[in-house]
Amino acid sequence: MDLDEAQARITQNVRKLMGPCGYDTQEALGEKIGKKAPEMSGRMKGRTKWTLPDILALADALGLAPALLLQPLKVSITTSLPATGTDDVVTISPVTGGHDGLPTIEATTG
């Protein structure tokens, strides 16, 4: 994977993970990682490169290991029925099925 592919993969994964991890907008995630709206927009549109501090902050904000931002990720959301009284569950795992030693992450959303 070259640098451009890595940058594109990070952006793709951020797009997949923002909503399920509780960030409704780029601005909300940007605020959490210390980026103003124009800075976040530049990164999401590929005009500005993600830096190592950005990647570390993203991983922290999204609740996963930084290396997972470079993996093809599958995000599945299981929504509960109102009658069950349970919360939604977001499962994030490598596309390989989670059998490559990388963690599978489950987050409960409100």
C-alpha atoms as a PDB file:
ATOM      1  CA  MET A   1       0.000   0.000   0.000  1.00  0.00           C
ATOM      2  CA  ASP A   2       1.499   3.347  -0.980  1.00  0.00           C
ATOM      3  CA  LEU A   3       0.933   6.633   0.850  1.00  0.00           C
ATOM      4  CA  ASP A   4      -1.940   7.762  -1.385  1.00  0.00           C
ATOM      5  CA  GLU A   5      -3.722   4.436  -0.909  1.00  0.00           C
ATOM      6  CA  ALA A   6      -3.187   4.661   2.851  1.00  0.00           C
ATOM      7  CA  GLN A   7      -4.619   8.180   2.947  1.00  0.00           C
ATOM      8  CA  ALA A   8      -7.654   7.084   0.906  1.00  0.00           C
ATOM      9  CA  ARG A   9      -8.209   4.033   3.157  1.00  0.00           C
ATOM     10  CA  ILE A  10      -8.114   6.180   6.301  1.00  0.00           C
ATOM     11  CA  THR A  11     -10.679   8.573   4.824  1.00  0.00           C
ATOM     12  CA  GLN A  12     -12.888   5.696   3.678  1.00  0.00           C
ATOM     13  CA  ASN A  13     -12.805   4.139   7.150  1.00  0.00           C
ATOM     14  CA  VAL A  14     -13.486   7.458   8.868  1.00  0.00           C
ATOM     15  CA  ARG A  15     -16.570   7.872   6.651  1.00  0.00           C
ATOM     16  CA  LYS A  16     -17.759   4.363   7.586  1.00  0.00           C
ATOM     17  CA  LEU A  17     -17.155   4.827  11.301  1.00  0.00           C
ATOM     18  CA  MET A  18     -18.255   8.404  12.019  1.00  0.00           C
ATOM     19  CA  GLY A  19     -21.985   7.763  12.374  1.00  0.00           C
ATOM     20  CA  PRO A  20     -21.822   4.435  14.188  1.00  0.00           C
ATOM     21  CA  CYS A  21     -19.294   5.908  16.626  1.00  0.00           C
ATOM     22  CA  GLY A  22     -21.558   8.836  17.466  1.00  0.00           C
ATOM     23  CA  TYR A  23     -20.302  11.627  15.187  1.00  0.00           C
ATOM     24  CA  ASP A  24     -23.128  13.032  13.066  1.00  0.00           C
ATOM     25  CA  THR A  25     -20.907  15.468  11.159  1.00  0.00           C
ATOM     26  CA  GLN A  26     -17.306  15.950  10.094  1.00  0.00           C
ATOM     27  CA  GLU A  27     -17.299  19.052  12.261  1.00  0.00           C
ATOM     28  CA  ALA A  28     -18.239  17.022  15.360  1.00  0.00           C
ATOM     29  CA  LEU A  29     -15.410  14.558  14.763  1.00  0.00           C
ATOM     30  CA  GLY A  30     -13.060  17.417  13.879  1.00  0.00           C
ATOM     31  CA  GLU A  31     -13.862  19.140  17.154  1.00  0.00           C
ATOM     32  CA  LYS A  32     -13.050  15.941  19.045  1.00  0.00           C
ATOM     33  CA  ILE A  33      -9.642  15.600  17.327  1.00  0.00           C
ATOM     34  CA  GLY A  34      -8.783  19.308  17.433  1.00  0.00           C
ATOM     35  CA  LYS A  35      -9.426  20.206  13.789  1.00  0.00           C
ATOM     36  CA  LYS A  36     -11.523  23.135  12.596  1.00  0.00           C
ATOM     37  CA  ALA A  37     -14.171  22.521   9.915  1.00  0.00           C
ATOM     38  CA  PRO A  38     -11.990  23.644   6.954  1.00  0.00           C
ATOM     39  CA  GLU A  39      -9.103  21.432   8.134  1.00  0.00           C
ATOM     40  CA  MET A  40     -11.383  18.428   8.503  1.00  0.00           C
ATOM     41  CA  SER A  41     -13.011  19.072   5.136  1.00  0.00           C
ATOM     42  CA  GLY A  42      -9.610  19.214   3.435  1.00  0.00           C
ATOM     43  CA  ARG A  43      -8.664  15.849   4.881  1.00  0.00           C
ATOM     44  CA  MET A  44     -11.997  14.217   4.065  1.00  0.00           C
ATOM     45  CA  LYS A  45     -11.789  15.473   0.461  1.00  0.00           C
ATOM     46  CA  GLY A  46      -8.180  14.324   0.072  1.00  0.00           C
ATOM     47  CA  ARG A  47      -6.747  17.821  -0.390  1.00  0.00           C
ATOM     48  CA  THR A  48      -4.789  17.579   2.868  1.00  0.00           C
ATOM     49  CA  LYS A  49      -2.935  14.506   4.116  1.00  0.00           C
ATOM     50  CA  TRP A  50      -3.731  12.858   7.426  1.00  0.00           C
ATOM     51  CA  THR A  51      -0.738  13.197   9.758  1.00  0.00           C
ATOM     52  CA  LEU A  52       0.388  10.705  12.381  1.00  0.00           C
ATOM     53  CA  PRO A  53      -1.040  12.880  15.189  1.00  0.00           C
ATOM     54  CA  ASP A  54      -4.324  13.028  13.215  1.00  0.00           C
ATOM     55  CA  ILE A  55      -4.412   9.234  12.909  1.00  0.00           C
ATOM     56  CA  LEU A  56      -3.718   8.756  16.605  1.00  0.00           C
ATOM     57  CA  ALA A  57      -6.439  11.270  17.526  1.00  0.00           C
ATOM     58  CA  LEU A  58      -8.916   9.649  15.100  1.00  0.00           C
ATOM     59  CA  ALA A  59      -8.252   6.201  16.546  1.00  0.00           C
ATOM     60  CA  ASP A  60      -8.771   7.522  20.060  1.00  0.00           C
ATOM     61  CA  ALA A  61     -11.984   9.341  19.099  1.00  0.00           C
ATOM     62  CA  LEU A  62     -13.343   6.279  17.275  1.00  0.00           C
ATOM     63  CA  GLY A  63     -12.278   3.857  20.026  1.00  0.00           C
ATOM     64  CA  LEU A  64     -10.010   1.595  18.015  1.00  0.00           C
ATOM     65  CA  ALA A  65      -6.363   0.766  17.418  1.00  0.00           C
ATOM     66  CA  PRO A  66      -4.680   3.142  14.932  1.00  0.00           C
ATOM     67  CA  ALA A  67      -3.642   0.224  12.698  1.00  0.00           C
ATOM     68  CA  LEU A  68      -7.311  -0.604  12.074  1.00  0.00           C
ATOM     69  CA  LEU A  69      -7.709   2.684  10.184  1.00  0.00           C
ATOM     70  CA  LEU A  70      -5.448   1.192   7.486  1.00  0.00           C
ATOM     71  CA  GLN A  71      -7.365  -2.088   7.220  1.00  0.00           C
ATOM     72  CA  PRO A  72     -10.380  -2.739   5.007  1.00  0.00           C
ATOM     73  CA  LEU A  73     -13.137  -2.573   7.623  1.00  0.00           C
ATOM     74  CA  LYS A  74     -16.605  -3.991   7.721  1.00  0.00           C
ATOM     75  CA  VAL A  75     -19.023  -2.092   9.904  1.00  0.00           C
ATOM     76  CA  SER A  76     -22.292  -3.716  10.819  1.00  0.00           C
ATOM     77  CA  ILE A  77     -25.020  -2.165  12.900  1.00  0.00           C
ATOM     78  CA  THR A  78     -27.600  -4.266  14.675  1.00  0.00           C
ATOM     79  CA  THR A  79     -30.602  -2.168  15.610  1.00  0.00           C
ATOM     80  CA  SER A  80     -32.810  -3.428  18.354  1.00  0.00           C
ATOM     81  CA  LEU A  81     -36.557  -3.451  18.178  1.00  0.00           C
ATOM     82  CA  PRO A  82     -38.272  -1.107  20.648  1.00  0.00           C
ATOM     83  CA  ALA A  83     -39.938  -4.050  22.379  1.00  0.00           C
ATOM     84  CA  THR A  84     -36.592  -5.629  23.294  1.00  0.00           C
ATOM     85  CA  GLY A  85     -35.341  -2.664  25.317  1.00  0.00           C
ATOM     86  CA  THR A  86     -31.749  -3.295  24.228  1.00  0.00           C
ATOM     87  CA  ASP A  87     -29.308  -0.805  22.752  1.00  0.00           C
ATOM     88  CA  ASP A  88     -27.952  -0.758  19.208  1.00  0.00           C
ATOM     89  CA  VAL A  89     -24.679  -2.649  18.765  1.00  0.00           C
ATOM     90  CA  VAL A  90     -21.979  -1.516  16.344  1.00  0.00           C
ATOM     91  CA  THR A  91     -19.429  -4.170  15.411  1.00  0.00           C
ATOM     92  CA  ILE A  92     -16.249  -3.134  13.628  1.00  0.00           C
ATOM     93  CA  SER A  93     -13.930  -5.825  12.309  1.00  0.00           C
ATOM     94  CA  PRO A  94     -11.388  -6.311   9.551  1.00  0.00           C
ATOM     95  CA  VAL A  95     -12.989  -7.505   6.317  1.00  0.00           C
ATOM     96  CA  THR A  96     -10.986 -10.704   6.685  1.00  0.00           C
ATOM     97  CA  GLY A  97     -13.469 -11.720   9.362  1.00  0.00           C
ATOM     98  CA  GLY A  98     -11.410 -10.878  12.404  1.00  0.00           C
ATOM     99  CA  HIS A  99      -9.307 -14.034  12.246  1.00  0.00           C
ATOM    100  CA  ASP A 100      -6.008 -12.260  11.523  1.00  0.00           C
ATOM    101  CA  GLY A 101      -5.219 -11.381  15.121  1.00  0.00           C
ATOM    102  CA  LEU A 102      -6.705  -7.896  14.989  1.00  0.00           C
ATOM    103  CA  PRO A 103      -9.402  -7.085  17.520  1.00  0.00           C
ATOM    104  CA  THR A 104     -13.067  -6.962  16.795  1.00  0.00           C
ATOM    105  CA  ILE A 105     -14.602  -3.931  18.415  1.00  0.00           C
ATOM    106  CA  GLU A 106     -18.126  -3.740  19.716  1.00  0.00           C
ATOM    107  CA  ALA A 107     -19.630  -0.492  20.880  1.00  0.00           C
ATOM    108  CA  THR A 108     -23.008   0.068  22.400  1.00  0.00           C
ATOM    109  CA  THR A 109     -24.828   3.158  21.202  1.00  0.00           C
ATOM    110  CA  GLY A 110     -27.694   4.927  22.887  1.00  0.00           C
END
